[in-house]
Amino acid sequence: MLNIVLFGPPGAGKGTQSERLIERYGLIHLSTGDIFRYHLKNETELGKLAQTFMDQGHLVPDEVTINMLKDEVLKQSDPKGFIFDGFPRTNPQAHALDTLLKELNTSITVMLGLEVEEEELKARLTNRAISSGRADDADPEIIANRIAVYNRETAPVKEFYAAQDKYMAIDGIGTIDSITERLYSAIDSRK
């Protein structure tokens, strides 16, 4: 099974590239944001539990998030693999994901880290705000904060996978097609 964590700061191109990887390799896209929205909207038990934390202004505990992911993984019959989008964001989440996948007799194949300089990220996010109307991408302060949070809290996860020899840095600068080809080459070298 091919299990990929597509990793990188806001604006690195994860959404664009994940669509191409899903199509080429037949992967199931697991977006924690989409999964959360589904559970909250449908008022599932996990959604109600998550809502209680959110109503108090707290982060949803990793255990709840992992249980949502597990629920989604178990819905799939004979998947070729998964691409994890927006998860893991912390080392405890990476440990929890490894534990979940081990229970399912699989593991992360590779973490692909799209590496893009901060000024380029800011330019991309500003352009995305114009083209897609995403208000969170229009405010330079919000952009700077999102990048700072990524650098402080999420970027250390690459060390977790590097220690397992599963992290591959991918140059995230260039045309969309050239970046896609770099990703394909990295994945094909791990299959």
N, C-alpha and C. Protein backbone atom coordinates (compact mmCIF):
# COMPACT_ATOMS: atom_id res chain seq x y z
N MET A 1 0.85 -1.17 0.00
CA MET A 1 0.00 0.00 0.00
C MET A 1 0.90 1.24 0.00
N LEU A 2 0.54 2.23 -0.80
CA LEU A 2 1.29 3.47 -0.92
C LEU A 2 0.62 4.53 -0.06
N ASN A 3 1.28 4.93 1.03
CA ASN A 3 0.74 5.94 1.94
C ASN A 3 1.68 7.13 1.97
N ILE A 4 1.15 8.28 1.59
CA ILE A 4 1.97 9.48 1.43
C ILE A 4 1.47 10.59 2.36
N VAL A 5 2.40 11.25 3.02
CA VAL A 5 2.11 12.50 3.70
C VAL A 5 2.67 13.59 2.79
N LEU A 6 1.80 14.44 2.26
CA LEU A 6 2.25 15.57 1.46
C LEU A 6 2.34 16.75 2.41
N PHE A 7 3.52 17.32 2.49
CA PHE A 7 3.88 18.23 3.58
C PHE A 7 4.41 19.53 3.01
N GLY A 8 4.17 20.60 3.71
CA GLY A 8 4.73 21.88 3.31
C GLY A 8 3.94 23.02 3.92
N PRO A 9 4.50 24.20 3.88
CA PRO A 9 3.83 25.36 4.46
C PRO A 9 2.62 25.79 3.63
N PRO A 10 1.79 26.67 4.20
CA PRO A 10 0.66 27.20 3.43
C PRO A 10 1.17 27.85 2.14
N GLY A 11 0.54 27.52 1.02
CA GLY A 11 0.94 28.10 -0.25
C GLY A 11 2.00 27.32 -1.01
N ALA A 12 2.43 26.18 -0.46
CA ALA A 12 3.48 25.39 -1.11
C ALA A 12 2.96 24.63 -2.33
N GLY A 13 1.64 24.47 -2.43
CA GLY A 13 1.07 23.77 -3.58
C GLY A 13 0.57 22.38 -3.27
N LYS A 14 0.33 22.09 -1.99
CA LYS A 14 -0.11 20.74 -1.59
C LYS A 14 -1.44 20.36 -2.24
N GLY A 15 -2.39 21.27 -2.25
CA GLY A 15 -3.70 20.95 -2.82
C GLY A 15 -3.62 20.64 -4.30
N THR A 16 -2.91 21.48 -5.03
CA THR A 16 -2.74 21.27 -6.47
C THR A 16 -2.05 19.95 -6.76
N GLN A 17 -0.96 19.70 -6.03
CA GLN A 17 -0.17 18.50 -6.30
C GLN A 17 -0.87 17.23 -5.81
N SER A 18 -1.60 17.32 -4.71
CA SER A 18 -2.27 16.11 -4.20
C SER A 18 -3.29 15.59 -5.21
N GLU A 19 -3.97 16.49 -5.91
CA GLU A 19 -4.93 16.06 -6.94
C GLU A 19 -4.24 15.22 -8.01
N ARG A 20 -3.07 15.63 -8.41
CA ARG A 20 -2.33 14.90 -9.45
C ARG A 20 -1.83 13.55 -8.93
N LEU A 21 -1.38 13.51 -7.69
CA LEU A 21 -0.90 12.25 -7.11
C LEU A 21 -2.04 11.26 -6.93
N ILE A 22 -3.18 11.76 -6.52
CA ILE A 22 -4.37 10.90 -6.35
C ILE A 22 -4.73 10.25 -7.68
N GLU A 23 -4.75 11.07 -8.73
CA GLU A 23 -5.11 10.56 -10.06
C GLU A 23 -4.10 9.54 -10.57
N ARG A 24 -2.82 9.84 -10.45
CA ARG A 24 -1.80 8.95 -11.00
C ARG A 24 -1.70 7.62 -10.25
N TYR A 25 -1.79 7.67 -8.92
CA TYR A 25 -1.54 6.47 -8.13
C TYR A 25 -2.81 5.82 -7.56
N GLY A 26 -3.97 6.41 -7.84
CA GLY A 26 -5.22 5.83 -7.36
C GLY A 26 -5.38 5.87 -5.85
N LEU A 27 -4.89 6.94 -5.24
CA LEU A 27 -4.92 7.06 -3.79
C LEU A 27 -6.24 7.63 -3.28
N ILE A 28 -6.53 7.34 -2.04
CA ILE A 28 -7.68 7.93 -1.35
C ILE A 28 -7.18 9.18 -0.64
N HIS A 29 -7.86 10.30 -0.87
CA HIS A 29 -7.47 11.58 -0.27
C HIS A 29 -8.10 11.68 1.12
N LEU A 30 -7.27 11.81 2.13
CA LEU A 30 -7.76 11.99 3.50
C LEU A 30 -7.38 13.38 3.98
N SER A 31 -8.33 14.29 3.92
CA SER A 31 -8.13 15.66 4.37
C SER A 31 -8.78 15.79 5.74
N THR A 32 -7.97 16.08 6.75
CA THR A 32 -8.55 16.20 8.09
C THR A 32 -9.58 17.32 8.14
N GLY A 33 -9.37 18.39 7.38
CA GLY A 33 -10.36 19.47 7.35
C GLY A 33 -11.70 18.97 6.83
N ASP A 34 -11.68 18.23 5.72
CA ASP A 34 -12.92 17.68 5.16
C ASP A 34 -13.58 16.70 6.12
N ILE A 35 -12.75 15.87 6.75
CA ILE A 35 -13.28 14.87 7.68
C ILE A 35 -13.94 15.55 8.88
N PHE A 36 -13.29 16.58 9.41
CA PHE A 36 -13.87 17.33 10.52
C PHE A 36 -15.21 17.92 10.12
N ARG A 37 -15.24 18.58 8.96
CA ARG A 37 -16.48 19.22 8.51
C ARG A 37 -17.59 18.19 8.36
N TYR A 38 -17.28 17.01 7.83
CA TYR A 38 -18.28 15.96 7.67
C TYR A 38 -18.86 15.57 9.03
N HIS A 39 -17.98 15.30 10.00
CA HIS A 39 -18.44 14.85 11.31
C HIS A 39 -19.24 15.93 12.04
N LEU A 40 -18.81 17.18 11.91
CA LEU A 40 -19.53 18.27 12.56
C LEU A 40 -20.90 18.48 11.90
N LYS A 41 -20.92 18.49 10.58
CA LYS A 41 -22.17 18.73 9.84
C LYS A 41 -23.19 17.63 10.11
N ASN A 42 -22.71 16.38 10.14
CA ASN A 42 -23.62 15.25 10.32
C ASN A 42 -23.84 14.88 11.78
N GLU A 43 -23.26 15.68 12.68
CA GLU A 43 -23.43 15.49 14.11
C GLU A 43 -23.21 14.05 14.54
N THR A 44 -22.12 13.46 14.03
CA THR A 44 -21.75 12.11 14.46
C THR A 44 -21.28 12.18 15.91
N GLU A 45 -21.12 11.03 16.54
CA GLU A 45 -20.63 11.02 17.92
C GLU A 45 -19.27 11.71 18.00
N LEU A 46 -18.37 11.40 17.05
CA LEU A 46 -17.06 12.04 17.05
C LEU A 46 -17.19 13.54 16.77
N GLY A 47 -18.11 13.91 15.91
CA GLY A 47 -18.34 15.32 15.62
C GLY A 47 -18.84 16.08 16.83
N LYS A 48 -19.77 15.47 17.56
CA LYS A 48 -20.28 16.10 18.78
C LYS A 48 -19.18 16.25 19.82
N LEU A 49 -18.34 15.21 19.94
CA LEU A 49 -17.23 15.26 20.89
C LEU A 49 -16.26 16.38 20.50
N ALA A 50 -15.92 16.46 19.22
CA ALA A 50 -15.01 17.52 18.74
C ALA A 50 -15.62 18.89 19.01
N GLN A 51 -16.93 19.02 18.78
CA GLN A 51 -17.60 20.31 18.97
C GLN A 51 -17.50 20.79 20.41
N THR A 52 -17.56 19.86 21.38
CA THR A 52 -17.48 20.28 22.78
C THR A 52 -16.13 20.95 23.07
N PHE A 53 -15.06 20.44 22.48
CA PHE A 53 -13.75 21.07 22.67
C PHE A 53 -13.70 22.41 21.97
N MET A 54 -14.20 22.45 20.74
CA MET A 54 -14.16 23.68 19.96
C MET A 54 -15.00 24.78 20.62
N ASP A 55 -16.15 24.40 21.18
CA ASP A 55 -17.02 25.38 21.85
C ASP A 55 -16.32 26.03 23.03
N GLN A 56 -15.39 25.31 23.63
CA GLN A 56 -14.64 25.84 24.78
C GLN A 56 -13.36 26.56 24.33
N GLY A 57 -13.15 26.63 23.01
CA GLY A 57 -11.97 27.31 22.49
C GLY A 57 -10.71 26.48 22.56
N HIS A 58 -10.87 25.15 22.72
CA HIS A 58 -9.71 24.26 22.81
C HIS A 58 -9.47 23.56 21.47
N LEU A 59 -8.23 23.12 21.27
CA LEU A 59 -7.94 22.27 20.12
C LEU A 59 -8.58 20.91 20.35
N VAL A 60 -9.01 20.29 19.27
CA VAL A 60 -9.57 18.95 19.37
C VAL A 60 -8.41 18.00 19.67
N PRO A 61 -8.54 17.17 20.71
CA PRO A 61 -7.43 16.26 21.05
C PRO A 61 -7.08 15.32 19.90
N ASP A 62 -5.80 14.97 19.84
CA ASP A 62 -5.31 14.08 18.78
C ASP A 62 -6.10 12.77 18.74
N GLU A 63 -6.47 12.26 19.89
CA GLU A 63 -7.20 10.98 19.93
C GLU A 63 -8.50 11.06 19.14
N VAL A 64 -9.20 12.18 19.26
CA VAL A 64 -10.46 12.35 18.53
C VAL A 64 -10.18 12.44 17.03
N THR A 65 -9.16 13.20 16.65
CA THR A 65 -8.80 13.34 15.25
C THR A 65 -8.40 11.99 14.66
N ILE A 66 -7.58 11.24 15.39
CA ILE A 66 -7.15 9.92 14.92
C ILE A 66 -8.35 8.99 14.76
N ASN A 67 -9.29 9.05 15.69
CA ASN A 67 -10.49 8.20 15.56
C ASN A 67 -11.32 8.57 14.34
N MET A 68 -11.36 9.86 14.00
CA MET A 68 -12.05 10.28 12.78
C MET A 68 -11.33 9.73 11.55
N LEU A 69 -10.00 9.83 11.56
CA LEU A 69 -9.20 9.29 10.45
C LEU A 69 -9.40 7.78 10.32
N LYS A 70 -9.36 7.09 11.45
CA LYS A 70 -9.52 5.64 11.46
C LYS A 70 -10.88 5.26 10.87
N ASP A 71 -11.91 5.99 11.27
CA ASP A 71 -13.25 5.75 10.76
C ASP A 71 -13.27 5.87 9.23
N GLU A 72 -12.57 6.88 8.72
CA GLU A 72 -12.52 7.11 7.27
C GLU A 72 -11.72 6.02 6.56
N VAL A 73 -10.60 5.62 7.14
CA VAL A 73 -9.76 4.58 6.55
C VAL A 73 -10.52 3.26 6.48
N LEU A 74 -11.25 2.94 7.54
CA LEU A 74 -11.97 1.66 7.60
C LEU A 74 -13.16 1.60 6.63
N LYS A 75 -13.63 2.76 6.16
CA LYS A 75 -14.73 2.79 5.19
C LYS A 75 -14.29 2.29 3.82
N GLN A 76 -12.98 2.33 3.56
CA GLN A 76 -12.45 2.01 2.24
C GLN A 76 -12.27 0.49 2.09
N SER A 77 -12.66 -0.02 0.94
CA SER A 77 -12.43 -1.45 0.69
C SER A 77 -11.29 -1.61 -0.31
N ASP A 78 -10.27 -2.30 0.12
CA ASP A 78 -9.11 -2.60 -0.71
C ASP A 78 -8.48 -1.37 -1.36
N PRO A 79 -8.11 -0.37 -0.55
CA PRO A 79 -7.49 0.83 -1.13
C PRO A 79 -6.07 0.56 -1.60
N LYS A 80 -5.65 1.32 -2.64
CA LYS A 80 -4.25 1.23 -3.11
C LYS A 80 -3.33 1.99 -2.18
N GLY A 81 -3.91 2.93 -1.44
CA GLY A 81 -3.13 3.73 -0.52
C GLY A 81 -3.85 5.03 -0.23
N PHE A 82 -3.21 5.84 0.61
CA PHE A 82 -3.81 7.08 1.06
C PHE A 82 -2.81 8.22 0.91
N ILE A 83 -3.37 9.41 0.71
CA ILE A 83 -2.56 10.61 0.79
C ILE A 83 -3.14 11.42 1.95
N PHE A 84 -2.32 11.72 2.92
CA PHE A 84 -2.75 12.45 4.11
C PHE A 84 -2.51 13.93 3.91
N ASP A 85 -3.58 14.71 4.05
CA ASP A 85 -3.57 16.14 3.78
C ASP A 85 -3.94 16.86 5.08
N GLY A 86 -3.01 17.64 5.60
CA GLY A 86 -3.28 18.38 6.82
C GLY A 86 -3.04 17.57 8.08
N PHE A 87 -2.41 16.45 7.94
CA PHE A 87 -2.15 15.57 9.08
C PHE A 87 -1.00 14.66 8.72
N PRO A 88 -0.08 14.42 9.61
CA PRO A 88 0.02 14.95 10.97
C PRO A 88 0.63 16.36 11.00
N ARG A 89 0.22 17.13 12.00
CA ARG A 89 0.74 18.49 12.17
C ARG A 89 1.69 18.61 13.35
N THR A 90 1.73 17.57 14.18
CA THR A 90 2.64 17.58 15.34
C THR A 90 3.26 16.20 15.47
N ASN A 91 4.36 16.12 16.23
CA ASN A 91 4.99 14.82 16.45
C ASN A 91 4.06 13.83 17.16
N PRO A 92 3.29 14.25 18.18
CA PRO A 92 2.34 13.29 18.77
C PRO A 92 1.34 12.76 17.73
N GLN A 93 0.90 13.60 16.80
CA GLN A 93 -0.01 13.14 15.75
C GLN A 93 0.69 12.15 14.83
N ALA A 94 1.97 12.38 14.54
CA ALA A 94 2.73 11.46 13.69
C ALA A 94 2.86 10.10 14.38
N HIS A 95 3.14 10.11 15.68
CA HIS A 95 3.20 8.85 16.45
C HIS A 95 1.85 8.13 16.39
N ALA A 96 0.77 8.90 16.60
CA ALA A 96 -0.58 8.31 16.59
C ALA A 96 -0.93 7.74 15.22
N LEU A 97 -0.53 8.44 14.16
CA LEU A 97 -0.79 7.94 12.80
C LEU A 97 -0.02 6.65 12.55
N ASP A 98 1.24 6.61 12.97
CA ASP A 98 2.03 5.38 12.83
C ASP A 98 1.36 4.21 13.55
N THR A 99 0.86 4.47 14.75
CA THR A 99 0.19 3.42 15.53
C THR A 99 -1.06 2.94 14.81
N LEU A 100 -1.86 3.87 14.30
CA LEU A 100 -3.07 3.52 13.57
C LEU A 100 -2.74 2.66 12.35
N LEU A 101 -1.77 3.09 11.56
CA LEU A 101 -1.42 2.36 10.34
C LEU A 101 -0.84 0.98 10.67
N LYS A 102 -0.10 0.89 11.76
CA LYS A 102 0.46 -0.40 12.18
C LYS A 102 -0.67 -1.38 12.50
N GLU A 103 -1.73 -0.88 13.16
CA GLU A 103 -2.91 -1.70 13.46
C GLU A 103 -3.52 -2.25 12.17
N LEU A 104 -3.36 -1.50 11.09
CA LEU A 104 -3.95 -1.87 9.79
C LEU A 104 -2.91 -2.57 8.90
N ASN A 105 -1.78 -2.96 9.50
CA ASN A 105 -0.71 -3.68 8.79
C ASN A 105 -0.14 -2.90 7.62
N THR A 106 0.02 -1.59 7.81
CA THR A 106 0.65 -0.76 6.79
C THR A 106 1.43 0.35 7.49
N SER A 107 2.02 1.23 6.74
CA SER A 107 2.78 2.34 7.32
C SER A 107 2.89 3.46 6.29
N ILE A 108 3.43 4.60 6.74
CA ILE A 108 3.71 5.70 5.81
C ILE A 108 4.85 5.25 4.90
N THR A 109 4.66 5.40 3.60
CA THR A 109 5.70 5.07 2.63
C THR A 109 6.72 6.19 2.55
N VAL A 110 6.20 7.42 2.43
CA VAL A 110 7.09 8.57 2.28
C VAL A 110 6.36 9.84 2.69
N MET A 111 7.13 10.77 3.27
CA MET A 111 6.64 12.12 3.50
C MET A 111 7.36 12.99 2.47
N LEU A 112 6.57 13.62 1.62
CA LEU A 112 7.12 14.51 0.59
C LEU A 112 6.96 15.94 1.06
N GLY A 113 8.06 16.61 1.28
CA GLY A 113 8.03 17.98 1.78
C GLY A 113 8.29 18.98 0.67
N LEU A 114 7.26 19.75 0.32
CA LEU A 114 7.41 20.80 -0.69
C LEU A 114 8.12 21.98 -0.05
N GLU A 115 9.32 22.28 -0.52
CA GLU A 115 10.13 23.34 0.06
C GLU A 115 10.06 24.59 -0.81
N VAL A 116 9.58 25.67 -0.20
CA VAL A 116 9.37 26.93 -0.90
C VAL A 116 9.80 28.06 0.04
N GLU A 117 10.55 29.03 -0.49
CA GLU A 117 10.99 30.18 0.30
C GLU A 117 9.78 31.00 0.76
N GLU A 118 9.94 31.66 1.91
CA GLU A 118 8.83 32.39 2.53
C GLU A 118 8.27 33.50 1.64
N GLU A 119 9.12 34.25 0.96
CA GLU A 119 8.63 35.33 0.10
C GLU A 119 7.77 34.78 -1.04
N GLU A 120 8.17 33.64 -1.59
CA GLU A 120 7.38 32.99 -2.64
C GLU A 120 6.03 32.52 -2.09
N LEU A 121 6.03 31.99 -0.87
CA LEU A 121 4.77 31.56 -0.24
C LEU A 121 3.81 32.73 -0.11
N LYS A 122 4.34 33.85 0.37
CA LYS A 122 3.50 35.04 0.55
C LYS A 122 2.91 35.50 -0.79
N ALA A 123 3.72 35.48 -1.83
CA ALA A 123 3.24 35.89 -3.16
C ALA A 123 2.17 34.93 -3.65
N ARG A 124 2.39 33.63 -3.47
CA ARG A 124 1.41 32.64 -3.92
C ARG A 124 0.09 32.79 -3.18
N LEU A 125 0.17 32.99 -1.87
CA LEU A 125 -1.06 33.11 -1.08
C LEU A 125 -1.83 34.37 -1.46
N THR A 126 -1.11 35.45 -1.70
CA THR A 126 -1.76 36.69 -2.12
C THR A 126 -2.45 36.48 -3.47
N ASN A 127 -1.78 35.80 -4.40
CA ASN A 127 -2.39 35.51 -5.71
C ASN A 127 -3.59 34.58 -5.56
N ARG A 128 -3.49 33.62 -4.65
CA ARG A 128 -4.61 32.69 -4.43
C ARG A 128 -5.82 33.44 -3.89
N ALA A 129 -5.58 34.43 -3.04
CA ALA A 129 -6.69 35.23 -2.50
C ALA A 129 -7.45 35.92 -3.63
N ILE A 130 -6.70 36.39 -4.62
CA ILE A 130 -7.31 37.09 -5.75
C ILE A 130 -8.06 36.10 -6.64
N SER A 131 -7.42 34.96 -6.94
CA SER A 131 -8.02 34.03 -7.90
C SER A 131 -9.13 33.17 -7.30
N SER A 132 -9.04 32.86 -6.01
CA SER A 132 -10.05 31.96 -5.44
C SER A 132 -10.94 32.63 -4.41
N GLY A 133 -10.62 33.87 -4.07
CA GLY A 133 -11.46 34.58 -3.11
C GLY A 133 -11.30 34.12 -1.68
N ARG A 134 -10.20 33.43 -1.38
CA ARG A 134 -9.98 32.97 0.00
C ARG A 134 -9.54 34.14 0.86
N ALA A 135 -10.43 34.58 1.74
CA ALA A 135 -10.16 35.75 2.57
C ALA A 135 -8.95 35.53 3.48
N ASP A 136 -8.73 34.28 3.93
CA ASP A 136 -7.60 34.02 4.83
C ASP A 136 -6.26 34.21 4.14
N ASP A 137 -6.27 34.26 2.82
CA ASP A 137 -5.03 34.46 2.06
C ASP A 137 -4.81 35.93 1.68
N ALA A 138 -5.77 36.79 2.00
CA ALA A 138 -5.69 38.19 1.56
C ALA A 138 -4.98 39.10 2.56
N ASP A 139 -4.93 38.70 3.81
CA ASP A 139 -4.38 39.56 4.86
C ASP A 139 -2.92 39.18 5.14
N PRO A 140 -1.98 40.11 4.89
CA PRO A 140 -0.56 39.80 5.10
C PRO A 140 -0.24 39.36 6.53
N GLU A 141 -0.95 39.89 7.53
CA GLU A 141 -0.72 39.48 8.92
C GLU A 141 -1.14 38.03 9.14
N ILE A 142 -2.28 37.66 8.59
CA ILE A 142 -2.76 36.27 8.73
C ILE A 142 -1.80 35.33 8.02
N ILE A 143 -1.35 35.72 6.82
CA ILE A 143 -0.39 34.89 6.07
C ILE A 143 0.88 34.70 6.90
N ALA A 144 1.42 35.79 7.43
CA ALA A 144 2.66 35.71 8.22
C ALA A 144 2.46 34.82 9.44
N ASN A 145 1.30 34.94 10.08
CA ASN A 145 1.01 34.11 11.26
C ASN A 145 0.90 32.64 10.89
N ARG A 146 0.23 32.34 9.78
CA ARG A 146 0.08 30.94 9.36
C ARG A 146 1.44 30.31 9.07
N ILE A 147 2.32 31.07 8.43
CA ILE A 147 3.66 30.56 8.13
C ILE A 147 4.46 30.38 9.42
N ALA A 148 4.33 31.33 10.36
CA ALA A 148 5.04 31.23 11.64
C ALA A 148 4.57 30.00 12.43
N VAL A 149 3.26 29.77 12.45
CA VAL A 149 2.71 28.60 13.16
C VAL A 149 3.23 27.32 12.51
N TYR A 150 3.25 27.30 11.19
CA TYR A 150 3.78 26.13 10.48
C TYR A 150 5.24 25.89 10.89
N ASN A 151 6.06 26.93 10.83
CA ASN A 151 7.49 26.79 11.15
C ASN A 151 7.70 26.33 12.59
N ARG A 152 6.88 26.84 13.50
CA ARG A 152 7.05 26.55 14.92
C ARG A 152 6.50 25.17 15.30
N GLU A 153 5.30 24.85 14.79
CA GLU A 153 4.59 23.66 15.28
C GLU A 153 4.61 22.48 14.33
N THR A 154 4.54 22.75 13.03
CA THR A 154 4.39 21.66 12.07
C THR A 154 5.70 21.22 11.44
N ALA A 155 6.56 22.15 11.10
CA ALA A 155 7.82 21.80 10.43
C ALA A 155 8.63 20.73 11.17
N PRO A 156 8.62 20.71 12.52
CA PRO A 156 9.38 19.66 13.22
C PRO A 156 8.95 18.22 12.89
N VAL A 157 7.75 18.05 12.35
CA VAL A 157 7.28 16.70 12.01
C VAL A 157 8.18 16.06 10.95
N LYS A 158 8.81 16.88 10.11
CA LYS A 158 9.67 16.28 9.09
C LYS A 158 10.84 15.54 9.73
N GLU A 159 11.28 15.99 10.90
CA GLU A 159 12.37 15.29 11.60
C GLU A 159 11.91 13.90 12.06
N PHE A 160 10.65 13.80 12.43
CA PHE A 160 10.08 12.51 12.85
C PHE A 160 10.21 11.50 11.72
N TYR A 161 9.84 11.91 10.50
CA TYR A 161 9.91 11.00 9.35
C TYR A 161 11.34 10.86 8.81
N ALA A 162 12.14 11.90 8.96
CA ALA A 162 13.55 11.81 8.55
C ALA A 162 14.25 10.74 9.39
N ALA A 163 13.91 10.66 10.67
CA ALA A 163 14.52 9.65 11.56
C ALA A 163 14.15 8.23 11.12
N GLN A 164 13.04 8.09 10.38
CA GLN A 164 12.62 6.79 9.84
C GLN A 164 13.08 6.61 8.40
N ASP A 165 13.86 7.55 7.88
CA ASP A 165 14.31 7.57 6.50
C ASP A 165 13.12 7.60 5.52
N LYS A 166 12.10 8.37 5.89
CA LYS A 166 10.91 8.46 5.05
C LYS A 166 10.66 9.88 4.53
N TYR A 167 11.50 10.83 4.92
CA TYR A 167 11.30 12.20 4.48
C TYR A 167 12.09 12.48 3.21
N MET A 168 11.42 13.08 2.22
CA MET A 168 12.10 13.50 0.99
C MET A 168 11.73 14.96 0.72
N ALA A 169 12.73 15.81 0.68
CA ALA A 169 12.52 17.22 0.35
C ALA A 169 12.34 17.35 -1.16
N ILE A 170 11.33 18.11 -1.55
CA ILE A 170 11.04 18.33 -2.96
C ILE A 170 11.09 19.83 -3.22
N ASP A 171 11.85 20.24 -4.22
CA ASP A 171 11.91 21.65 -4.59
C ASP A 171 10.53 22.06 -5.09
N GLY A 172 9.89 22.98 -4.37
CA GLY A 172 8.54 23.40 -4.71
C GLY A 172 8.49 24.65 -5.57
N ILE A 173 9.62 25.00 -6.20
CA ILE A 173 9.67 26.17 -7.07
C ILE A 173 9.74 25.69 -8.53
N GLY A 174 8.99 26.36 -9.39
CA GLY A 174 8.99 26.02 -10.81
C GLY A 174 7.56 25.91 -11.30
N THR A 175 7.41 25.35 -12.48
CA THR A 175 6.06 25.18 -13.03
C THR A 175 5.36 24.07 -12.26
N ILE A 176 4.06 24.08 -12.29
CA ILE A 176 3.27 23.03 -11.63
C ILE A 176 3.69 21.67 -12.18
N ASP A 177 3.85 21.58 -13.50
CA ASP A 177 4.22 20.30 -14.11
C ASP A 177 5.61 19.83 -13.68
N SER A 178 6.56 20.76 -13.56
CA SER A 178 7.91 20.33 -13.17
C SER A 178 7.93 19.85 -11.72
N ILE A 179 7.16 20.49 -10.87
CA ILE A 179 7.07 20.05 -9.47
C ILE A 179 6.39 18.68 -9.40
N THR A 180 5.35 18.50 -10.20
CA THR A 180 4.66 17.20 -10.26
C THR A 180 5.63 16.10 -10.66
N GLU A 181 6.44 16.35 -11.67
CA GLU A 181 7.41 15.35 -12.12
C GLU A 181 8.41 14.99 -11.02
N ARG A 182 8.82 16.00 -10.25
CA ARG A 182 9.73 15.73 -9.12
C ARG A 182 9.05 14.82 -8.10
N LEU A 183 7.79 15.08 -7.85
CA LEU A 183 7.03 14.25 -6.89
C LEU A 183 6.89 12.82 -7.41
N TYR A 184 6.53 12.67 -8.69
CA TYR A 184 6.41 11.34 -9.28
C TYR A 184 7.72 10.56 -9.14
N SER A 185 8.83 11.23 -9.47
CA SER A 185 10.14 10.57 -9.39
C SER A 185 10.44 10.12 -7.96
N ALA A 186 10.14 10.96 -6.99
CA ALA A 186 10.39 10.63 -5.59
C ALA A 186 9.54 9.43 -5.16
N ILE A 187 8.27 9.43 -5.53
CA ILE A 187 7.38 8.33 -5.16
C ILE A 187 7.82 7.04 -5.85
N ASP A 188 8.11 7.13 -7.14
CA ASP A 188 8.50 5.93 -7.89
C ASP A 188 9.79 5.33 -7.34
N SER A 189 10.65 6.15 -6.75
CA SER A 189 11.89 5.62 -6.18
C SER A 189 11.64 4.88 -4.86
N ARG A 190 10.45 5.04 -4.29
CA ARG A 190 10.11 4.40 -3.01
C ARG A 190 9.19 3.20 -3.15
N LYS A 191 8.65 3.00 -4.34
CA LYS A 191 7.67 1.91 -4.54
C LYS A 191 8.34 0.56 -4.63
